[in-house]
């Protein structure tokens, strides 16, 4: 039955599935771009599409998702704790032009030293292979949770328990998609 299903897929007819990479054994895997889009959406949704530094809601400058630790650190690249919503101005002028000041602000005013230090240890740990399929599933689930929380927050007029712990579930489960 499995081979019958494969024969009917676009891969067998010479067409590639859009946005998917073929891995050995005909396993399909999400692309880095797909994961980046999901991560960006989740970070901005979590922060209510509001700049964490100046409070701008994107009316004059678009709200972007900024990484605390570089995207090159694959272990934390798609971790929601490693992202903040910043307007384009704060992202460029603050995060990129004053990286030391940005990291101090994140460590002492946004995440707190404990969470920041754990994230730093994880970001600078020995690289592990990230399972992109698992990461995509986790990001989709987190985004669905964030949308539900946002709806609850709006229904209760902001009185609901929207503030999800920055790292709560993350530290209990480990890095999204990291293979041990």
N, C-alpha and C. Protein backbone atom coordinates (compact mmCIF):
# COMPACT_ATOMS: atom_id res chain seq x y z
N UNK A 1 0.83 -1.20 0.00
CA UNK A 1 0.00 0.00 0.00
C UNK A 1 0.86 1.26 0.00
N UNK A 2 1.95 1.22 0.74
CA UNK A 2 2.83 2.39 0.81
C UNK A 2 3.36 2.76 -0.57
N UNK A 3 3.78 1.75 -1.36
CA UNK A 3 4.30 2.04 -2.69
C UNK A 3 3.20 2.56 -3.62
N UNK A 4 1.97 2.08 -3.42
CA UNK A 4 0.86 2.57 -4.24
C UNK A 4 0.62 4.05 -3.97
N UNK A 5 0.77 4.44 -2.70
CA UNK A 5 0.59 5.85 -2.36
C UNK A 5 1.71 6.67 -2.98
N UNK A 6 2.93 6.15 -2.93
CA UNK A 6 4.06 6.87 -3.50
C UNK A 6 3.91 7.06 -5.00
N UNK A 7 3.36 6.07 -5.70
CA UNK A 7 3.22 6.18 -7.14
C UNK A 7 2.28 7.32 -7.53
N UNK A 8 1.35 7.64 -6.67
CA UNK A 8 0.38 8.67 -7.00
C UNK A 8 0.85 10.07 -6.59
N UNK A 9 1.97 10.17 -5.91
CA UNK A 9 2.44 11.48 -5.46
C UNK A 9 3.08 12.23 -6.61
N UNK A 10 3.11 13.55 -6.52
CA UNK A 10 3.74 14.35 -7.56
C UNK A 10 5.23 14.04 -7.72
N UNK A 11 5.88 13.52 -6.68
CA UNK A 11 7.30 13.21 -6.78
C UNK A 11 7.55 12.16 -7.86
N UNK A 12 6.67 11.18 -7.97
CA UNK A 12 6.83 10.12 -8.95
C UNK A 12 6.61 10.64 -10.37
N UNK A 13 5.83 11.67 -10.53
CA UNK A 13 5.57 12.18 -11.87
C UNK A 13 6.58 13.26 -12.24
N UNK A 14 7.61 13.45 -11.43
CA UNK A 14 8.67 14.39 -11.76
C UNK A 14 8.44 15.79 -11.21
N UNK A 15 7.34 16.01 -10.52
CA UNK A 15 7.08 17.33 -9.94
C UNK A 15 7.49 17.30 -8.47
N UNK A 16 8.08 18.37 -8.01
CA UNK A 16 8.48 18.44 -6.60
C UNK A 16 7.35 19.09 -5.81
N UNK A 17 7.19 18.66 -4.58
CA UNK A 17 6.21 19.31 -3.72
C UNK A 17 6.76 20.66 -3.31
N UNK A 18 5.96 21.66 -3.41
CA UNK A 18 6.42 23.01 -3.13
C UNK A 18 6.88 23.18 -1.69
N UNK A 19 8.09 23.72 -1.52
CA UNK A 19 8.60 24.03 -0.20
C UNK A 19 9.11 22.85 0.59
N UNK A 20 9.20 21.70 0.01
CA UNK A 20 9.68 20.53 0.74
C UNK A 20 10.96 20.02 0.10
N UNK A 21 11.86 19.54 0.95
CA UNK A 21 13.10 18.95 0.48
C UNK A 21 12.98 17.44 0.53
N UNK A 22 13.60 16.77 -0.41
CA UNK A 22 13.57 15.31 -0.41
C UNK A 22 14.83 14.82 0.30
N UNK A 23 14.64 13.99 1.29
CA UNK A 23 15.76 13.40 2.03
C UNK A 23 15.87 11.94 1.62
N UNK A 24 16.97 11.29 1.94
CA UNK A 24 17.11 9.87 1.61
C UNK A 24 15.91 9.07 2.10
N UNK A 25 15.48 8.13 1.31
CA UNK A 25 14.32 7.33 1.68
C UNK A 25 13.01 8.02 1.37
N UNK A 26 13.02 9.01 0.50
CA UNK A 26 11.82 9.77 0.11
C UNK A 26 11.11 10.44 1.29
N UNK A 27 11.86 10.79 2.30
CA UNK A 27 11.27 11.49 3.44
C UNK A 27 11.21 12.97 3.12
N UNK A 28 10.08 13.58 3.32
CA UNK A 28 9.93 15.00 3.05
C UNK A 28 10.19 15.78 4.33
N UNK A 29 10.86 16.90 4.18
CA UNK A 29 11.24 17.70 5.34
C UNK A 29 10.93 19.17 5.05
N UNK A 30 10.42 19.90 6.04
CA UNK A 30 10.15 21.33 5.82
C UNK A 30 11.44 22.09 5.54
N UNK A 31 11.33 23.15 4.78
CA UNK A 31 12.51 23.96 4.49
C UNK A 31 12.78 24.91 5.64
N UNK A 32 13.98 25.45 5.64
CA UNK A 32 14.36 26.44 6.65
C UNK A 32 13.44 27.65 6.54
N UNK A 33 13.13 28.06 5.31
CA UNK A 33 12.25 29.22 5.10
C UNK A 33 10.86 29.00 5.71
N UNK A 34 10.32 27.80 5.56
CA UNK A 34 9.01 27.51 6.14
C UNK A 34 9.05 27.63 7.67
N UNK A 35 10.10 27.09 8.27
CA UNK A 35 10.23 27.16 9.73
C UNK A 35 10.43 28.60 10.18
N UNK A 36 11.21 29.38 9.42
CA UNK A 36 11.41 30.79 9.77
C UNK A 36 10.09 31.56 9.75
N UNK A 37 9.26 31.28 8.76
CA UNK A 37 7.97 31.97 8.66
C UNK A 37 7.07 31.62 9.85
N UNK A 38 7.01 30.35 10.21
CA UNK A 38 6.20 29.94 11.37
C UNK A 38 6.73 30.56 12.65
N UNK A 39 8.04 30.53 12.84
CA UNK A 39 8.66 31.09 14.05
C UNK A 39 8.36 32.59 14.15
N UNK A 40 8.54 33.29 13.04
CA UNK A 40 8.30 34.74 13.01
C UNK A 40 6.85 35.06 13.38
N UNK A 41 5.92 34.30 12.81
CA UNK A 41 4.50 34.49 13.11
C UNK A 41 4.20 34.23 14.59
N UNK A 42 4.78 33.17 15.13
CA UNK A 42 4.55 32.82 16.54
C UNK A 42 5.11 33.88 17.48
N UNK A 43 6.30 34.39 17.19
CA UNK A 43 6.91 35.42 18.06
C UNK A 43 6.06 36.68 18.04
N UNK A 44 5.66 37.12 16.86
CA UNK A 44 4.87 38.36 16.79
C UNK A 44 3.49 38.17 17.40
N UNK A 45 2.88 37.00 17.24
CA UNK A 45 1.59 36.73 17.86
C UNK A 45 1.72 36.73 19.38
N UNK A 46 2.75 36.05 19.89
CA UNK A 46 2.96 35.99 21.34
C UNK A 46 3.09 37.40 21.93
N UNK A 47 3.78 38.29 21.22
CA UNK A 47 4.01 39.66 21.71
C UNK A 47 2.94 40.64 21.24
N UNK A 48 1.80 40.12 20.77
CA UNK A 48 0.65 40.94 20.34
C UNK A 48 1.02 41.94 19.24
N UNK A 49 1.94 41.57 18.37
CA UNK A 49 2.35 42.44 17.27
C UNK A 49 2.74 43.83 17.77
N UNK A 50 3.42 43.85 18.92
CA UNK A 50 3.83 45.10 19.55
C UNK A 50 5.32 45.04 19.83
N UNK A 51 6.02 46.11 19.52
CA UNK A 51 7.45 46.18 19.80
C UNK A 51 7.69 46.09 21.30
N UNK A 52 8.55 45.18 21.71
CA UNK A 52 8.83 44.98 23.14
C UNK A 52 9.63 46.13 23.73
N UNK A 53 10.27 46.93 22.90
CA UNK A 53 11.09 48.03 23.42
C UNK A 53 10.32 49.35 23.48
N UNK A 54 9.71 49.75 22.37
CA UNK A 54 9.07 51.07 22.34
C UNK A 54 7.55 51.01 22.39
N UNK A 55 6.96 49.84 22.22
CA UNK A 55 5.50 49.71 22.28
C UNK A 55 4.79 49.99 20.97
N UNK A 56 5.52 50.26 19.89
CA UNK A 56 4.92 50.52 18.59
C UNK A 56 4.15 49.29 18.11
N UNK A 57 2.99 49.53 17.47
CA UNK A 57 2.19 48.42 16.99
C UNK A 57 2.21 48.30 15.48
N UNK A 58 3.26 48.80 14.87
CA UNK A 58 3.44 48.60 13.44
C UNK A 58 2.71 49.58 12.55
N UNK A 59 2.18 50.64 13.11
CA UNK A 59 1.45 51.60 12.28
C UNK A 59 2.42 52.42 11.42
N UNK A 60 3.57 52.78 12.00
CA UNK A 60 4.54 53.57 11.24
C UNK A 60 5.73 52.72 10.78
N UNK A 61 6.12 51.74 11.60
CA UNK A 61 7.22 50.84 11.25
C UNK A 61 6.74 49.41 11.47
N UNK A 62 7.02 48.52 10.53
CA UNK A 62 6.54 47.14 10.68
C UNK A 62 7.18 46.45 11.89
N UNK A 63 6.41 45.57 12.50
CA UNK A 63 6.91 44.79 13.63
C UNK A 63 7.60 43.55 13.07
N UNK A 64 8.84 43.34 13.52
CA UNK A 64 9.64 42.22 13.05
C UNK A 64 9.93 41.29 14.21
N UNK A 65 10.33 40.08 13.91
CA UNK A 65 10.75 39.13 14.94
C UNK A 65 12.28 39.11 14.95
N UNK A 66 12.85 39.42 16.10
CA UNK A 66 14.30 39.49 16.24
C UNK A 66 14.80 38.32 17.08
N UNK A 67 15.92 37.76 16.67
CA UNK A 67 16.56 36.69 17.43
C UNK A 67 17.44 37.30 18.52
N UNK A 68 17.41 36.71 19.70
CA UNK A 68 18.32 37.14 20.77
C UNK A 68 19.71 36.57 20.47
N UNK A 69 19.77 35.28 20.22
CA UNK A 69 21.00 34.64 19.78
C UNK A 69 20.86 34.37 18.29
N UNK A 70 21.93 34.50 17.57
CA UNK A 70 21.96 34.41 16.12
C UNK A 70 21.20 33.22 15.55
N UNK A 71 20.68 33.42 14.36
CA UNK A 71 20.01 32.33 13.65
C UNK A 71 20.99 31.21 13.32
N UNK A 72 22.26 31.51 13.34
CA UNK A 72 23.28 30.48 13.06
C UNK A 72 23.32 29.43 14.17
N UNK A 73 22.81 29.77 15.35
CA UNK A 73 22.74 28.81 16.46
C UNK A 73 21.50 27.95 16.24
N UNK A 74 21.66 26.88 15.47
CA UNK A 74 20.52 26.06 15.04
C UNK A 74 19.71 25.49 16.20
N UNK A 75 20.35 25.21 17.33
CA UNK A 75 19.64 24.61 18.47
C UNK A 75 18.54 25.53 18.99
N UNK A 76 18.75 26.85 18.90
CA UNK A 76 17.75 27.79 19.42
C UNK A 76 17.13 28.66 18.31
N UNK A 77 17.46 28.40 17.08
CA UNK A 77 16.96 29.23 15.98
C UNK A 77 15.44 29.35 15.97
N UNK A 78 14.74 28.24 16.18
CA UNK A 78 13.27 28.26 16.12
C UNK A 78 12.64 28.12 17.49
N UNK A 79 13.35 28.48 18.52
CA UNK A 79 12.85 28.45 19.89
C UNK A 79 12.18 29.80 20.16
N UNK A 80 10.96 29.80 20.63
CA UNK A 80 10.25 31.05 20.86
C UNK A 80 10.88 31.91 21.95
N UNK A 81 11.57 31.28 22.89
CA UNK A 81 12.26 32.04 23.94
C UNK A 81 13.37 32.90 23.32
N UNK A 82 13.90 32.47 22.19
CA UNK A 82 14.99 33.17 21.53
C UNK A 82 14.50 34.28 20.61
N UNK A 83 13.27 34.72 20.74
CA UNK A 83 12.76 35.75 19.85
C UNK A 83 11.99 36.83 20.58
N UNK A 84 12.03 38.02 20.01
CA UNK A 84 11.28 39.18 20.51
C UNK A 84 10.67 39.91 19.33
N UNK A 85 9.50 40.48 19.53
CA UNK A 85 8.93 41.35 18.51
C UNK A 85 9.51 42.74 18.71
N UNK A 86 10.12 43.27 17.67
CA UNK A 86 10.67 44.63 17.69
C UNK A 86 10.24 45.34 16.43
N UNK A 87 9.99 46.65 16.53
CA UNK A 87 9.68 47.40 15.32
C UNK A 87 10.97 47.48 14.50
N UNK A 88 10.84 47.82 13.24
CA UNK A 88 12.01 47.85 12.36
C UNK A 88 13.09 48.81 12.88
N UNK A 89 12.67 49.93 13.44
CA UNK A 89 13.64 50.90 13.97
C UNK A 89 14.42 50.35 15.14
N UNK A 90 13.73 49.76 16.11
CA UNK A 90 14.41 49.20 17.29
C UNK A 90 15.26 47.99 16.89
N UNK A 91 14.78 47.21 15.96
CA UNK A 91 15.52 46.03 15.52
C UNK A 91 16.87 46.45 14.93
N UNK A 92 16.85 47.43 14.03
CA UNK A 92 18.09 47.86 13.39
C UNK A 92 18.96 48.73 14.30
N UNK A 93 18.37 49.77 14.87
CA UNK A 93 19.19 50.73 15.62
C UNK A 93 19.60 50.22 17.00
N UNK A 94 18.83 49.35 17.58
CA UNK A 94 19.14 48.89 18.93
C UNK A 94 19.77 47.50 18.91
N UNK A 95 19.08 46.53 18.34
CA UNK A 95 19.56 45.15 18.40
C UNK A 95 20.83 44.94 17.58
N UNK A 96 20.92 45.54 16.40
CA UNK A 96 22.08 45.30 15.54
C UNK A 96 23.21 46.30 15.74
N UNK A 97 22.90 47.54 16.05
CA UNK A 97 23.96 48.53 16.20
C UNK A 97 24.52 48.60 17.61
N UNK A 98 23.76 48.12 18.59
CA UNK A 98 24.23 48.12 19.99
C UNK A 98 24.00 46.73 20.59
N UNK A 99 24.70 45.71 20.09
CA UNK A 99 24.42 44.35 20.54
C UNK A 99 24.65 44.11 22.03
N UNK A 100 25.66 44.76 22.61
CA UNK A 100 25.92 44.58 24.05
C UNK A 100 24.79 45.18 24.87
N UNK A 101 24.38 46.37 24.51
CA UNK A 101 23.27 47.03 25.20
C UNK A 101 21.98 46.22 25.03
N UNK A 102 21.76 45.68 23.82
CA UNK A 102 20.58 44.86 23.54
C UNK A 102 20.57 43.61 24.42
N UNK A 103 21.71 42.90 24.48
CA UNK A 103 21.77 41.69 25.30
C UNK A 103 21.57 41.99 26.78
N UNK A 104 22.12 43.11 27.26
CA UNK A 104 21.90 43.49 28.67
C UNK A 104 20.43 43.77 28.92
N UNK A 105 19.78 44.47 28.00
CA UNK A 105 18.36 44.78 28.14
C UNK A 105 17.53 43.49 28.18
N UNK A 106 17.84 42.58 27.26
CA UNK A 106 17.11 41.30 27.23
C UNK A 106 17.35 40.52 28.52
N UNK A 107 18.59 40.48 28.94
CA UNK A 107 18.94 39.68 30.13
C UNK A 107 18.32 40.23 31.41
N UNK A 108 18.38 41.54 31.61
CA UNK A 108 17.94 42.10 32.88
C UNK A 108 16.50 42.60 32.89
N UNK A 109 15.96 42.98 31.72
CA UNK A 109 14.61 43.55 31.73
C UNK A 109 13.55 42.70 31.03
N UNK A 110 13.96 41.82 30.13
CA UNK A 110 12.96 41.06 29.38
C UNK A 110 12.86 39.62 29.89
N UNK A 111 13.93 38.86 29.77
CA UNK A 111 13.89 37.46 30.15
C UNK A 111 14.21 37.20 31.62
N UNK A 112 15.07 37.99 32.16
CA UNK A 112 15.58 37.70 33.50
C UNK A 112 16.88 36.91 33.36
N UNK A 113 17.75 37.02 34.33
CA UNK A 113 19.06 36.39 34.21
C UNK A 113 18.99 34.87 34.15
N UNK A 114 18.10 34.26 34.90
CA UNK A 114 18.04 32.79 34.92
C UNK A 114 17.67 32.23 33.55
N UNK A 115 16.61 32.73 32.97
CA UNK A 115 16.17 32.25 31.65
C UNK A 115 17.20 32.60 30.58
N UNK A 116 17.73 33.81 30.64
CA UNK A 116 18.74 34.23 29.66
C UNK A 116 19.97 33.34 29.74
N UNK A 117 20.43 33.05 30.95
CA UNK A 117 21.62 32.20 31.11
C UNK A 117 21.37 30.79 30.59
N UNK A 118 20.18 30.24 30.83
CA UNK A 118 19.86 28.91 30.31
C UNK A 118 19.82 28.91 28.79
N UNK A 119 19.20 29.95 28.23
CA UNK A 119 19.14 30.06 26.78
C UNK A 119 20.55 30.20 26.20
N UNK A 120 21.39 30.98 26.86
CA UNK A 120 22.77 31.16 26.42
C UNK A 120 23.54 29.84 26.44
N UNK A 121 23.37 29.08 27.52
CA UNK A 121 24.04 27.78 27.60
C UNK A 121 23.59 26.86 26.46
N UNK A 122 22.30 26.86 26.21
CA UNK A 122 21.76 26.03 25.15
C UNK A 122 22.28 26.49 23.78
N UNK A 123 22.30 27.81 23.56
CA UNK A 123 22.75 28.35 22.28
C UNK A 123 24.22 28.04 22.03
N UNK A 124 25.01 28.01 23.09
CA UNK A 124 26.44 27.79 22.94
C UNK A 124 26.85 26.34 23.23
N UNK A 125 25.88 25.45 23.34
CA UNK A 125 26.18 24.05 23.58
C UNK A 125 26.63 23.40 22.28
N UNK A 126 27.10 22.19 22.39
CA UNK A 126 27.55 21.46 21.22
C UNK A 126 26.38 21.32 20.25
N UNK A 127 26.60 21.65 19.00
CA UNK A 127 25.49 21.59 18.03
C UNK A 127 24.93 20.17 17.89
N UNK A 128 23.63 20.10 17.80
CA UNK A 128 22.96 18.83 17.54
C UNK A 128 22.13 19.00 16.28
N UNK A 129 21.81 17.90 15.67
CA UNK A 129 20.97 17.95 14.48
C UNK A 129 19.55 18.30 14.90
N UNK A 130 18.94 19.23 14.19
CA UNK A 130 17.58 19.63 14.48
C UNK A 130 16.64 18.90 13.54
N UNK A 131 15.66 18.23 14.09
CA UNK A 131 14.66 17.52 13.29
C UNK A 131 13.63 18.56 12.84
N UNK A 132 13.70 18.93 11.57
CA UNK A 132 12.84 20.00 11.06
C UNK A 132 11.36 19.62 11.06
N UNK A 133 11.07 18.35 10.83
CA UNK A 133 9.66 17.93 10.81
C UNK A 133 9.07 18.08 12.21
N UNK A 134 9.78 17.62 13.22
CA UNK A 134 9.31 17.76 14.59
C UNK A 134 9.22 19.23 14.99
N UNK A 135 10.19 20.02 14.56
CA UNK A 135 10.18 21.45 14.87
C UNK A 135 8.98 22.13 14.25
N UNK A 136 8.65 21.77 13.00
CA UNK A 136 7.48 22.37 12.35
C UNK A 136 6.19 22.01 13.08
N UNK A 137 6.06 20.75 13.46
CA UNK A 137 4.87 20.34 14.20
C UNK A 137 4.76 21.10 15.52
N UNK A 138 5.88 21.23 16.22
CA UNK A 138 5.87 21.94 17.50
C UNK A 138 5.53 23.41 17.31
N UNK A 139 6.11 24.06 16.30
CA UNK A 139 5.80 25.46 16.04
C UNK A 139 4.33 25.66 15.69
N UNK A 140 3.77 24.74 14.90
CA UNK A 140 2.34 24.84 14.55
C UNK A 140 1.46 24.71 15.80
N UNK A 141 1.84 23.77 16.69
CA UNK A 141 1.07 23.60 17.93
C UNK A 141 1.20 24.84 18.81
N UNK A 142 2.41 25.39 18.93
CA UNK A 142 2.61 26.58 19.75
C UNK A 142 1.85 27.76 19.18
N UNK A 143 1.84 27.89 17.86
CA UNK A 143 1.11 28.99 17.23
C UNK A 143 -0.39 28.84 17.47
N UNK A 144 -0.91 27.63 17.40
CA UNK A 144 -2.33 27.40 17.68
C UNK A 144 -2.65 27.77 19.13
N UNK A 145 -1.77 27.39 20.06
CA UNK A 145 -1.96 27.76 21.48
C UNK A 145 -1.95 29.27 21.64
N UNK A 146 -1.03 29.94 20.97
CA UNK A 146 -0.94 31.40 21.07
C UNK A 146 -2.19 32.07 20.52
N UNK A 147 -2.72 31.54 19.42
CA UNK A 147 -3.96 32.12 18.88
C UNK A 147 -5.12 31.93 19.87
N UNK A 148 -5.19 30.76 20.51
CA UNK A 148 -6.23 30.52 21.52
C UNK A 148 -6.06 31.47 22.70
N UNK A 149 -4.85 31.66 23.16
CA UNK A 149 -4.58 32.55 24.28
C UNK A 149 -4.92 34.00 23.92
N UNK A 150 -4.61 34.37 22.68
CA UNK A 150 -4.91 35.73 22.24
C UNK A 150 -6.42 35.95 22.22
N UNK A 151 -7.18 34.96 21.73
CA UNK A 151 -8.64 35.07 21.72
C UNK A 151 -9.18 35.18 23.14
N UNK A 152 -8.65 34.37 24.06
CA UNK A 152 -9.07 34.43 25.46
C UNK A 152 -8.74 35.79 26.05
N UNK A 153 -7.56 36.29 25.74
CA UNK A 153 -7.12 37.59 26.25
C UNK A 153 -8.07 38.69 25.76
N UNK A 154 -8.45 38.63 24.49
CA UNK A 154 -9.35 39.64 23.93
C UNK A 154 -10.76 39.50 24.50
N UNK A 155 -11.23 38.27 24.72
CA UNK A 155 -12.57 38.05 25.27
C UNK A 155 -12.69 38.54 26.71
N UNK A 156 -11.61 38.43 27.47
CA UNK A 156 -11.65 38.83 28.88
C UNK A 156 -11.22 40.28 29.06
N UNK A 157 -10.97 40.97 27.97
CA UNK A 157 -10.57 42.37 28.07
C UNK A 157 -9.18 42.53 28.69
N UNK A 158 -8.34 41.55 28.51
CA UNK A 158 -6.98 41.64 29.04
C UNK A 158 -6.85 41.17 30.47
N UNK A 159 -7.95 40.70 31.08
CA UNK A 159 -7.89 40.28 32.48
C UNK A 159 -7.51 38.81 32.62
N UNK A 160 -7.52 38.07 31.51
CA UNK A 160 -7.19 36.64 31.56
C UNK A 160 -5.71 36.40 31.81
N UNK A 161 -5.40 35.18 32.06
CA UNK A 161 -4.02 34.80 32.32
C UNK A 161 -3.29 34.57 31.01
N UNK A 162 -2.96 35.62 30.32
CA UNK A 162 -2.31 35.52 29.01
C UNK A 162 -0.85 35.27 29.19
N UNK A 163 -0.28 35.84 30.18
CA UNK A 163 1.17 35.79 30.33
C UNK A 163 1.65 34.36 30.54
N UNK A 164 2.05 33.78 29.47
CA UNK A 164 2.59 32.43 29.53
C UNK A 164 4.05 32.56 29.94
N UNK A 165 4.49 31.68 30.81
CA UNK A 165 5.87 31.76 31.28
C UNK A 165 6.81 31.70 30.09
N UNK A 166 7.80 32.53 30.09
CA UNK A 166 8.72 32.61 28.96
C UNK A 166 9.29 31.24 28.64
N UNK A 167 9.65 30.52 29.66
CA UNK A 167 10.32 29.27 29.38
C UNK A 167 9.60 28.06 29.91
N UNK A 168 8.57 28.22 30.66
CA UNK A 168 7.88 27.14 31.36
C UNK A 168 7.92 25.78 30.72
N UNK A 169 7.17 25.59 29.66
CA UNK A 169 7.09 24.28 29.04
C UNK A 169 8.38 23.95 28.30
N UNK A 170 9.08 24.96 27.83
CA UNK A 170 10.27 24.72 27.03
C UNK A 170 11.35 24.00 27.81
N UNK A 171 11.64 24.46 29.01
CA UNK A 171 12.73 23.85 29.77
C UNK A 171 12.38 22.43 30.19
N UNK A 172 11.10 22.17 30.34
CA UNK A 172 10.69 20.82 30.74
C UNK A 172 10.86 19.83 29.58
N UNK A 173 10.66 20.31 28.36
CA UNK A 173 10.69 19.41 27.20
C UNK A 173 12.00 19.43 26.44
N UNK A 174 12.81 20.43 26.66
CA UNK A 174 14.07 20.53 25.91
C UNK A 174 13.88 21.35 24.67
N UNK A 175 14.91 21.46 23.90
CA UNK A 175 14.89 22.28 22.71
C UNK A 175 14.00 21.68 21.63
N UNK A 176 13.16 22.51 20.98
CA UNK A 176 12.28 21.99 19.95
C UNK A 176 13.06 21.34 18.82
N UNK A 177 12.77 20.09 18.57
CA UNK A 177 13.34 19.42 17.42
C UNK A 177 14.75 18.90 17.59
N UNK A 178 15.39 19.18 18.73
CA UNK A 178 16.76 18.71 18.90
C UNK A 178 16.79 17.22 19.18
N UNK A 179 17.65 16.54 18.48
CA UNK A 179 17.78 15.10 18.73
C UNK A 179 18.86 14.90 19.78
N UNK A 180 18.61 14.00 20.66
CA UNK A 180 19.58 13.74 21.74
C UNK A 180 20.45 12.57 21.40
